Amino acid sequence: MQLFDTHAHLGLLHNQKMEQLMAVQLAKLKSVKHIVSICNSLPDFENTYTNLESASDVFHAVGVSPTEVANPGRDWEEKVIEFANLPRVIAIGETGLDYFHMFGGNKSIQIELFLKHLDIARHLDLPVIIHNRDAGEDLLTILKEKLPPKGGILHCFGENWDFARKALDLNVTFSFAGNVTFKNSRAIQEVAKKLPADRFVIESEAPFMTPYPYKGERNKPAYIIETAITLSEIRETYLEELCETLYANSLRAFSLPKDV
């Protein structure tokens, strides 16, 4: 059995190189073969990428998340394009819209940042990792017009089946995090049950969204197995079979070869 963690904030989980490498090694002991490292800011990306340069099973995404919309940094677009050409950088993001926190004070600033990331992903022919919180209507409208050819990953999916049904018309993959393990997450669990088998993946979202069995702890990529177990129960399938499907879906979502 092998797992693919499509979204982990290793730089937020640990500051130091050895701690980050240890988190990766611990995940490997729990059958996590690959992790996609996600950074909210470009300084965070530079530091984490340098720390994990020797970790050949860690991939990276680069972008400026909605949390940094008020101050993305000088020449950030040029830097994202530059960093995206580094080895093992396989996606743009995370990017998207967050109307719950309203980073930056208004919607228009977030939308502008999101659109620029979509343009970069199109230019570089890379998939985009998409953040969505309380912004589903605007997000779908934008993606219908601007989603790049390589598609996107709806990370830490938290919408209902009505939203998911509309999103299925787009070239997107749904990514479930530890929130699907919560007993009160019935709407998300309904989506997880109804989605076609080739349209979803899993993520840790470490150090956030800790799966239910580890509630109260900071999340780790090693805990992602709990999310896989919950999904196998929801979909009434064997865990090993589900993990094989999830792994194949992850490779396809990031346009990675089967022998990676």
C-alpha atoms as a PDB file:
ATOM      1  CA  MET A   1       0.000   0.000   0.000  1.00  0.00           C
ATOM      2  CA  GLN A   2       1.247   3.479  -0.846  1.00  0.00           C
ATOM      3  CA  LEU A   3      -0.209   6.912  -0.170  1.00  0.00           C
ATOM      4  CA  PHE A   4       0.228  10.284  -1.862  1.00  0.00           C
ATOM      5  CA  ASP A   5      -0.193  13.388   0.313  1.00  0.00           C
ATOM      6  CA  THR A   6      -1.207  16.027  -2.220  1.00  0.00           C
ATOM      7  CA  HIS A   7      -1.056  18.995   0.175  1.00  0.00           C
ATOM      8  CA  ALA A   8       1.092  19.562   3.279  1.00  0.00           C
ATOM      9  CA  HIS A   9       2.483  22.801   4.719  1.00  0.00           C
ATOM     10  CA  LEU A  10       5.802  21.357   5.830  1.00  0.00           C
ATOM     11  CA  GLY A  11       7.225  24.831   6.386  1.00  0.00           C
ATOM     12  CA  LEU A  12       4.428  25.634   8.825  1.00  0.00           C
ATOM     13  CA  LEU A  13       4.667  22.259  10.530  1.00  0.00           C
ATOM     14  CA  HIS A  14       8.366  22.744  11.336  1.00  0.00           C
ATOM     15  CA  ASN A  15      10.848  25.585  10.928  1.00  0.00           C
ATOM     16  CA  GLN A  16      14.104  23.656  10.885  1.00  0.00           C
ATOM     17  CA  LYS A  17      15.525  21.481   8.119  1.00  0.00           C
ATOM     18  CA  MET A  18      16.063  18.373  10.234  1.00  0.00           C
ATOM     19  CA  GLU A  19      12.547  18.557  11.668  1.00  0.00           C
ATOM     20  CA  GLN A  20      11.057  18.824   8.187  1.00  0.00           C
ATOM     21  CA  LEU A  21      13.120  15.896   6.942  1.00  0.00           C
ATOM     22  CA  MET A  22      12.084  13.853   9.971  1.00  0.00           C
ATOM     23  CA  ALA A  23       8.423  14.571   9.247  1.00  0.00           C
ATOM     24  CA  VAL A  24       8.946  13.260   5.719  1.00  0.00           C
ATOM     25  CA  GLN A  25      10.690  10.125   7.006  1.00  0.00           C
ATOM     26  CA  LEU A  26       7.952   9.486   9.577  1.00  0.00           C
ATOM     27  CA  ALA A  27       5.375   9.740   6.795  1.00  0.00           C
ATOM     28  CA  LYS A  28       7.320   7.176   4.751  1.00  0.00           C
ATOM     29  CA  LEU A  29       7.092   4.744   7.656  1.00  0.00           C
ATOM     30  CA  LYS A  30       3.312   5.145   7.380  1.00  0.00           C
ATOM     31  CA  SER A  31       3.274   4.296   3.645  1.00  0.00           C
ATOM     32  CA  VAL A  32       3.296   7.909   2.405  1.00  0.00           C
ATOM     33  CA  LYS A  33       5.494   7.663  -0.682  1.00  0.00           C
ATOM     34  CA  HIS A  34       5.085  11.245  -1.932  1.00  0.00           C
ATOM     35  CA  ILE A  35       4.208  14.619  -0.421  1.00  0.00           C
ATOM     36  CA  VAL A  36       3.453  17.878  -2.220  1.00  0.00           C
ATOM     37  CA  SER A  37       4.893  20.721  -0.145  1.00  0.00           C
ATOM     38  CA  ILE A  38       2.675  23.815  -0.117  1.00  0.00           C
ATOM     39  CA  CYS A  39       3.850  27.294   0.879  1.00  0.00           C
ATOM     40  CA  ASN A  40       1.742  30.395   1.461  1.00  0.00           C
ATOM     41  CA  SER A  41       4.458  32.913   0.584  1.00  0.00           C
ATOM     42  CA  LEU A  42       7.531  33.015  -1.619  1.00  0.00           C
ATOM     43  CA  PRO A  43       9.998  33.382   1.307  1.00  0.00           C
ATOM     44  CA  ASP A  44       8.366  30.298   2.836  1.00  0.00           C
ATOM     45  CA  PHE A  45       8.778  28.466  -0.484  1.00  0.00           C
ATOM     46  CA  GLU A  46      12.475  29.372  -0.807  1.00  0.00           C
ATOM     47  CA  ASN A  47      13.273  28.225   2.717  1.00  0.00           C
ATOM     48  CA  THR A  48      11.285  24.984   2.561  1.00  0.00           C
ATOM     49  CA  TYR A  49      12.501  24.100  -0.932  1.00  0.00           C
ATOM     50  CA  THR A  50      16.117  24.545   0.161  1.00  0.00           C
ATOM     51  CA  ASN A  51      15.574  22.470   3.292  1.00  0.00           C
ATOM     52  CA  LEU A  52      13.977  19.622   1.348  1.00  0.00           C
ATOM     53  CA  GLU A  53      16.178  19.673  -1.733  1.00  0.00           C
ATOM     54  CA  SER A  54      17.579  16.262  -0.835  1.00  0.00           C
ATOM     55  CA  ALA A  55      14.120  14.753  -0.262  1.00  0.00           C
ATOM     56  CA  SER A  56      13.529  13.228  -3.678  1.00  0.00           C
ATOM     57  CA  ASP A  57      10.009  12.033  -2.846  1.00  0.00           C
ATOM     58  CA  VAL A  58       8.803  15.537  -1.960  1.00  0.00           C
ATOM     59  CA  PHE A  59       7.298  17.602  -4.740  1.00  0.00           C
ATOM     60  CA  HIS A  60       6.534  21.311  -4.521  1.00  0.00           C
ATOM     61  CA  ALA A  61       3.925  23.860  -5.524  1.00  0.00           C
ATOM     62  CA  VAL A  62       4.735  27.550  -5.745  1.00  0.00           C
ATOM     63  CA  GLY A  63       2.447  30.535  -5.410  1.00  0.00           C
ATOM     64  CA  VAL A  64       1.081  33.223  -3.121  1.00  0.00           C
ATOM     65  CA  SER A  65      -1.967  32.144  -1.137  1.00  0.00           C
ATOM     66  CA  PRO A  66      -4.941  34.375  -0.257  1.00  0.00           C
ATOM     67  CA  THR A  67      -3.393  34.821   3.198  1.00  0.00           C
ATOM     68  CA  GLU A  68      -0.702  36.997   1.609  1.00  0.00           C
ATOM     69  CA  VAL A  69      -2.940  38.937  -0.795  1.00  0.00           C
ATOM     70  CA  ALA A  70      -2.227  42.287   0.884  1.00  0.00           C
ATOM     71  CA  ASN A  71       1.531  41.854   0.442  1.00  0.00           C
ATOM     72  CA  PRO A  72       2.475  39.229  -2.173  1.00  0.00           C
ATOM     73  CA  GLY A  73       6.003  40.625  -2.445  1.00  0.00           C
ATOM     74  CA  ARG A  74       7.901  42.635  -5.001  1.00  0.00           C
ATOM     75  CA  ASP A  75       7.959  41.117  -8.511  1.00  0.00           C
ATOM     76  CA  TRP A  76       6.117  38.102  -7.184  1.00  0.00           C
ATOM     77  CA  GLU A  77       4.799  36.994 -10.587  1.00  0.00           C
ATOM     78  CA  GLU A  78       8.282  36.831 -12.094  1.00  0.00           C
ATOM     79  CA  LYS A  79       9.545  34.929  -9.063  1.00  0.00           C
ATOM     80  CA  VAL A  80       6.731  32.381  -9.221  1.00  0.00           C
ATOM     81  CA  ILE A  81       7.583  31.712 -12.869  1.00  0.00           C
ATOM     82  CA  GLU A  82      11.282  31.429 -11.995  1.00  0.00           C
ATOM     83  CA  PHE A  83      10.701  29.053  -9.084  1.00  0.00           C
ATOM     84  CA  ALA A  84       8.229  26.965 -11.095  1.00  0.00           C
ATOM     85  CA  ASN A  85      11.105  25.894 -13.329  1.00  0.00           C
ATOM     86  CA  LEU A  86      13.008  24.318 -10.444  1.00  0.00           C
ATOM     87  CA  PRO A  87      13.216  20.512 -10.230  1.00  0.00           C
ATOM     88  CA  ARG A  88      10.180  18.776  -8.664  1.00  0.00           C
ATOM     89  CA  VAL A  89       7.933  21.866  -8.786  1.00  0.00           C
ATOM     90  CA  ILE A  90       4.754  20.377 -10.228  1.00  0.00           C
ATOM     91  CA  ALA A  91       1.951  22.894  -9.586  1.00  0.00           C
ATOM     92  CA  ILE A  92       1.021  26.539  -9.082  1.00  0.00           C
ATOM     93  CA  GLY A  93      -0.543  27.443  -5.752  1.00  0.00           C
ATOM     94  CA  GLU A  94      -2.026  27.305  -3.465  1.00  0.00           C
ATOM     95  CA  THR A  95      -4.207  30.101  -4.724  1.00  0.00           C
ATOM     96  CA  GLY A  96      -7.891  30.858  -4.694  1.00  0.00           C
ATOM     97  CA  LEU A  97     -10.510  32.725  -2.703  1.00  0.00           C
ATOM     98  CA  ASP A  98     -11.245  32.966   1.016  1.00  0.00           C
ATOM     99  CA  TYR A  99     -14.330  35.010   1.903  1.00  0.00           C
ATOM    100  CA  PHE A 100     -14.403  33.677   5.467  1.00  0.00           C
ATOM    101  CA  HIS A 101     -11.233  35.469   6.565  1.00  0.00           C
ATOM    102  CA  MET A 102     -11.448  38.173   3.879  1.00  0.00           C
ATOM    103  CA  PHE A 103      -7.677  38.547   3.645  1.00  0.00           C
ATOM    104  CA  GLY A 104      -6.786  41.928   2.190  1.00  0.00           C
ATOM    105  CA  GLY A 105     -10.110  43.468   3.132  1.00  0.00           C
ATOM    106  CA  ASN A 106     -12.103  42.918  -0.088  1.00  0.00           C
ATOM    107  CA  LYS A 107     -13.010  40.348  -2.711  1.00  0.00           C
ATOM    108  CA  SER A 108     -11.629  42.154  -5.754  1.00  0.00           C
ATOM    109  CA  ILE A 109      -8.020  41.992  -4.523  1.00  0.00           C
ATOM    110  CA  GLN A 110      -8.314  38.231  -3.955  1.00  0.00           C
ATOM    111  CA  ILE A 111      -9.909  37.687  -7.355  1.00  0.00           C
ATOM    112  CA  GLU A 112      -7.144  39.640  -9.073  1.00  0.00           C
ATOM    113  CA  LEU A 113      -4.445  37.565  -7.361  1.00  0.00           C
ATOM    114  CA  PHE A 114      -6.274  34.354  -8.236  1.00  0.00           C
ATOM    115  CA  LEU A 115      -6.619  35.304 -11.904  1.00  0.00           C
ATOM    116  CA  LYS A 116      -2.903  36.060 -12.167  1.00  0.00           C
ATOM    117  CA  HIS A 117      -2.064  32.612 -10.792  1.00  0.00           C
ATOM    118  CA  LEU A 118      -4.405  30.981 -13.301  1.00  0.00           C
ATOM    119  CA  ASP A 119      -2.664  32.884 -16.103  1.00  0.00           C
ATOM    120  CA  ILE A 120       0.748  31.710 -14.843  1.00  0.00           C
ATOM    121  CA  ALA A 121      -0.449  28.105 -14.656  1.00  0.00           C
ATOM    122  CA  ARG A 122      -1.762  28.347 -18.210  1.00  0.00           C
ATOM    123  CA  HIS A 123       1.500  29.894 -19.424  1.00  0.00           C
ATOM    124  CA  LEU A 124       3.613  27.178 -17.765  1.00  0.00           C
ATOM    125  CA  ASP A 125       1.176  24.344 -18.556  1.00  0.00           C
ATOM    126  CA  LEU A 126       0.884  23.310 -14.908  1.00  0.00           C
ATOM    127  CA  PRO A 127      -2.101  22.361 -12.741  1.00  0.00           C
ATOM    128  CA  VAL A 128      -3.250  24.804 -10.084  1.00  0.00           C
ATOM    129  CA  ILE A 129      -3.988  24.047  -6.420  1.00  0.00           C
ATOM    130  CA  ILE A 130      -7.196  25.845  -5.463  1.00  0.00           C
ATOM    131  CA  HIS A 131      -8.236  27.187  -2.066  1.00  0.00           C
ATOM    132  CA  ASN A 132     -11.942  27.871  -1.523  1.00  0.00           C
ATOM    133  CA  ARG A 133     -13.676  29.010   1.618  1.00  0.00           C
ATOM    134  CA  ASP A 134     -17.146  30.543   1.453  1.00  0.00           C
ATOM    135  CA  ALA A 135     -16.452  31.630  -2.137  1.00  0.00           C
ATOM    136  CA  GLY A 136     -17.932  28.794  -4.153  1.00  0.00           C
ATOM    137  CA  GLU A 137     -20.097  30.814  -6.535  1.00  0.00           C
ATOM    138  CA  ASP A 138     -17.334  33.228  -7.565  1.00  0.00           C
ATOM    139  CA  LEU A 139     -14.815  30.404  -7.740  1.00  0.00           C
ATOM    140  CA  LEU A 140     -16.889  28.316 -10.152  1.00  0.00           C
ATOM    141  CA  THR A 141     -17.612  31.334 -12.343  1.00  0.00           C
ATOM    142  CA  ILE A 142     -13.899  32.082 -12.644  1.00  0.00           C
ATOM    143  CA  LEU A 143     -12.854  28.478 -13.207  1.00  0.00           C
ATOM    144  CA  LYS A 144     -15.389  27.988 -15.989  1.00  0.00           C
ATOM    145  CA  GLU A 145     -13.616  30.718 -17.950  1.00  0.00           C
ATOM    146  CA  LYS A 146     -10.018  30.620 -16.740  1.00  0.00           C
ATOM    147  CA  LEU A 147      -9.087  27.117 -15.577  1.00  0.00           C
ATOM    148  CA  PRO A 148      -5.786  26.173 -17.289  1.00  0.00           C
ATOM    149  CA  PRO A 149      -5.628  23.115 -19.566  1.00  0.00           C
ATOM    150  CA  LYS A 150      -3.853  20.960 -16.932  1.00  0.00           C
ATOM    151  CA  GLY A 151      -6.789  21.568 -14.600  1.00  0.00           C
ATOM    152  CA  GLY A 152      -6.763  21.991 -10.862  1.00  0.00           C
ATOM    153  CA  ILE A 153      -7.074  20.376  -7.448  1.00  0.00           C
ATOM    154  CA  LEU A 154      -9.881  21.616  -5.182  1.00  0.00           C
ATOM    155  CA  HIS A 155      -7.888  21.239  -2.001  1.00  0.00           C
ATOM    156  CA  CYS A 156      -9.409  20.515   1.421  1.00  0.00           C
ATOM    157  CA  PHE A 157     -12.820  20.166  -0.181  1.00  0.00           C
ATOM    158  CA  GLY A 158     -15.574  21.495   2.060  1.00  0.00           C
ATOM    159  CA  GLU A 159     -18.584  22.143  -0.172  1.00  0.00           C
ATOM    160  CA  ASN A 160     -21.794  20.145  -0.672  1.00  0.00           C
ATOM    161  CA  TRP A 161     -22.938  17.836  -3.467  1.00  0.00           C
ATOM    162  CA  ASP A 162     -24.679  20.631  -5.373  1.00  0.00           C
ATOM    163  CA  PHE A 163     -21.362  22.457  -5.729  1.00  0.00           C
ATOM    164  CA  ALA A 164     -19.502  19.239  -6.514  1.00  0.00           C
ATOM    165  CA  ARG A 165     -21.986  18.287  -9.233  1.00  0.00           C
ATOM    166  CA  LYS A 166     -21.335  21.609 -10.985  1.00  0.00           C
ATOM    167  CA  ALA A 167     -17.566  21.324 -10.515  1.00  0.00           C
ATOM    168  CA  LEU A 168     -17.559  17.868 -12.101  1.00  0.00           C
ATOM    169  CA  ASP A 169     -18.059  19.559 -15.464  1.00  0.00           C
ATOM    170  CA  LEU A 170     -14.613  21.130 -15.047  1.00  0.00           C
ATOM    171  CA  ASN A 171     -11.166  19.545 -15.234  1.00  0.00           C
ATOM    172  CA  VAL A 172     -10.726  19.459 -11.460  1.00  0.00           C
ATOM    173  CA  THR A 173      -9.832  16.811  -8.909  1.00  0.00           C
ATOM    174  CA  PHE A 174     -11.422  16.886  -5.458  1.00  0.00           C
ATOM    175  CA  SER A 175      -9.031  16.578  -2.508  1.00  0.00           C
ATOM    176  CA  PHE A 176     -10.256  15.400   0.888  1.00  0.00           C
ATOM    177  CA  ALA A 177      -8.472  16.250   4.135  1.00  0.00           C
ATOM    178  CA  GLY A 178      -9.013  15.305   7.764  1.00  0.00           C
ATOM    179  CA  ASN A 179     -12.341  17.164   7.865  1.00  0.00           C
ATOM    180  CA  VAL A 180     -13.986  14.252   6.054  1.00  0.00           C
ATOM    181  CA  THR A 181     -13.306  12.131   9.178  1.00  0.00           C
ATOM    182  CA  PHE A 182     -15.381  14.402  11.428  1.00  0.00           C
ATOM    183  CA  LYS A 183     -18.731  12.917  12.479  1.00  0.00           C
ATOM    184  CA  ASN A 184     -20.619  16.130  11.642  1.00  0.00           C
ATOM    185  CA  SER A 185     -19.167  16.407   8.112  1.00  0.00           C
ATOM    186  CA  ARG A 186     -22.128  14.711   6.472  1.00  0.00           C
ATOM    187  CA  ALA A 187     -22.232  17.008   3.438  1.00  0.00           C
ATOM    188  CA  ILE A 188     -18.563  16.354   2.628  1.00  0.00           C
ATOM    189  CA  GLN A 189     -19.015  12.637   3.223  1.00  0.00           C
ATOM    190  CA  GLU A 190     -21.952  12.617   0.793  1.00  0.00           C
ATOM    191  CA  VAL A 191     -19.674  14.106  -1.868  1.00  0.00           C
ATOM    192  CA  ALA A 192     -16.971  11.546  -1.082  1.00  0.00           C
ATOM    193  CA  LYS A 193     -19.484   8.738  -1.560  1.00  0.00           C
ATOM    194  CA  LYS A 194     -20.968  10.037  -4.826  1.00  0.00           C
ATOM    195  CA  LEU A 195     -17.876  11.185  -6.723  1.00  0.00           C
ATOM    196  CA  PRO A 196     -16.588   9.046  -9.598  1.00  0.00           C
ATOM    197  CA  ALA A 197     -13.648   6.931  -8.449  1.00  0.00           C
ATOM    198  CA  ASP A 198     -11.185   8.734 -10.710  1.00  0.00           C
ATOM    199  CA  ARG A 199     -11.976  12.272  -9.529  1.00  0.00           C
ATOM    200  CA  PHE A 200     -10.639  12.513  -5.970  1.00  0.00           C
ATOM    201  CA  VAL A 201      -7.395  12.391  -3.975  1.00  0.00           C
ATOM    202  CA  ILE A 202      -6.407  12.933  -0.344  1.00  0.00           C
ATOM    203  CA  GLU A 203      -4.207  15.356   1.532  1.00  0.00           C
ATOM    204  CA  SER A 204      -3.024  15.907   5.083  1.00  0.00           C
ATOM    205  CA  GLU A 205      -3.244  19.735   5.033  1.00  0.00           C
ATOM    206  CA  ALA A 206      -0.671  19.455   7.843  1.00  0.00           C
ATOM    207  CA  PRO A 207      -0.375  21.061  10.334  1.00  0.00           C
ATOM    208  CA  PHE A 208      -4.130  21.763  10.031  1.00  0.00           C
ATOM    209  CA  MET A 209      -7.255  19.592   9.638  1.00  0.00           C
ATOM    210  CA  THR A 210      -6.070  16.812  11.942  1.00  0.00           C
ATOM    211  CA  PRO A 211      -8.089  13.608  11.384  1.00  0.00           C
ATOM    212  CA  TYR A 212     -10.518  12.670  14.136  1.00  0.00           C
ATOM    213  CA  PRO A 213      -8.425   9.933  15.831  1.00  0.00           C
ATOM    214  CA  TYR A 214      -5.681  12.520  16.489  1.00  0.00           C
ATOM    215  CA  LYS A 215      -7.963  15.414  17.359  1.00  0.00           C
ATOM    216  CA  GLY A 216      -6.181  17.995  19.530  1.00  0.00           C
ATOM    217  CA  GLU A 217      -2.753  17.342  17.992  1.00  0.00           C
ATOM    218  CA  ARG A 218      -0.996  19.243  15.225  1.00  0.00           C
ATOM    219  CA  ASN A 219      -1.535  17.327  12.037  1.00  0.00           C
ATOM    220  CA  LYS A 220       1.260  15.423  10.280  1.00  0.00           C
ATOM    221  CA  PRO A 221       1.502  13.798   6.842  1.00  0.00           C
ATOM    222  CA  ALA A 222       1.859  10.474   8.658  1.00  0.00           C
ATOM    223  CA  TYR A 223      -1.752  10.801   9.852  1.00  0.00           C
ATOM    224  CA  ILE A 224      -3.192  10.792   6.322  1.00  0.00           C
ATOM    225  CA  ILE A 225      -3.886   7.071   6.567  1.00  0.00           C
ATOM    226  CA  GLU A 226      -6.855   7.922   8.808  1.00  0.00           C
ATOM    227  CA  THR A 227      -8.418   9.954   6.010  1.00  0.00           C
ATOM    228  CA  ALA A 228      -7.939   7.032   3.630  1.00  0.00           C
ATOM    229  CA  ILE A 229      -9.553   4.645   6.125  1.00  0.00           C
ATOM    230  CA  THR A 230     -12.588   6.910   6.489  1.00  0.00           C
ATOM    231  CA  LEU A 231     -12.988   7.193   2.716  1.00  0.00           C
ATOM    232  CA  SER A 232     -12.778   3.423   2.303  1.00  0.00           C
ATOM    233  CA  GLU A 233     -15.589   3.078   4.848  1.00  0.00           C
ATOM    234  CA  ILE A 234     -17.717   5.772   3.187  1.00  0.00           C
ATOM    235  CA  ARG A 235     -17.295   4.192  -0.233  1.00  0.00           C
ATOM    236  CA  GLU A 236     -17.578   0.646   1.127  1.00  0.00           C
ATOM    237  CA  THR A 237     -14.405  -0.575  -0.516  1.00  0.00           C
ATOM    238  CA  TYR A 238     -11.213  -2.273   0.630  1.00  0.00           C
ATOM    239  CA  LEU A 239      -8.575   0.122   1.957  1.00  0.00           C
ATOM    240  CA  GLU A 240      -5.823  -1.279  -0.259  1.00  0.00           C
ATOM    241  CA  GLU A 241      -7.982  -0.931  -3.360  1.00  0.00           C
ATOM    242  CA  LEU A 242      -8.925   2.643  -2.477  1.00  0.00           C
ATOM    243  CA  CYS A 243      -5.288   3.630  -1.830  1.00  0.00           C
ATOM    244  CA  GLU A 244      -4.278   2.223  -5.200  1.00  0.00           C
ATOM    245  CA  THR A 245      -6.966   4.343  -6.859  1.00  0.00           C
ATOM    246  CA  LEU A 246      -6.022   7.463  -4.893  1.00  0.00           C
ATOM    247  CA  TYR A 247      -2.362   7.057  -5.814  1.00  0.00           C
ATOM    248  CA  ALA A 248      -3.141   6.704  -9.510  1.00  0.00           C
ATOM    249  CA  ASN A 249      -5.469   9.713  -9.335  1.00  0.00           C
ATOM    250  CA  SER A 250      -2.714  11.797  -7.714  1.00  0.00           C
ATOM    251  CA  LEU A 251      -0.222  10.973 -10.440  1.00  0.00           C
ATOM    252  CA  ARG A 252      -2.774  11.907 -13.073  1.00  0.00           C
ATOM    253  CA  ALA A 253      -3.772  15.159 -11.340  1.00  0.00           C
ATOM    254  CA  PHE A 254      -0.148  16.334 -11.356  1.00  0.00           C
ATOM    255  CA  SER A 255       0.743  14.803 -14.755  1.00  0.00           C
ATOM    256  CA  LEU A 256       3.385  12.577 -13.172  1.00  0.00           C
ATOM    257  CA  PRO A 257       4.640   9.331 -14.737  1.00  0.00           C
ATOM    258  CA  LYS A 258       3.578   6.015 -13.235  1.00  0.00           C
ATOM    259  CA  ASP A 259       7.146   5.082 -12.301  1.00  0.00           C
ATOM    260  CA  VAL A 260       7.810   8.241 -10.275  1.00  0.00           C
END
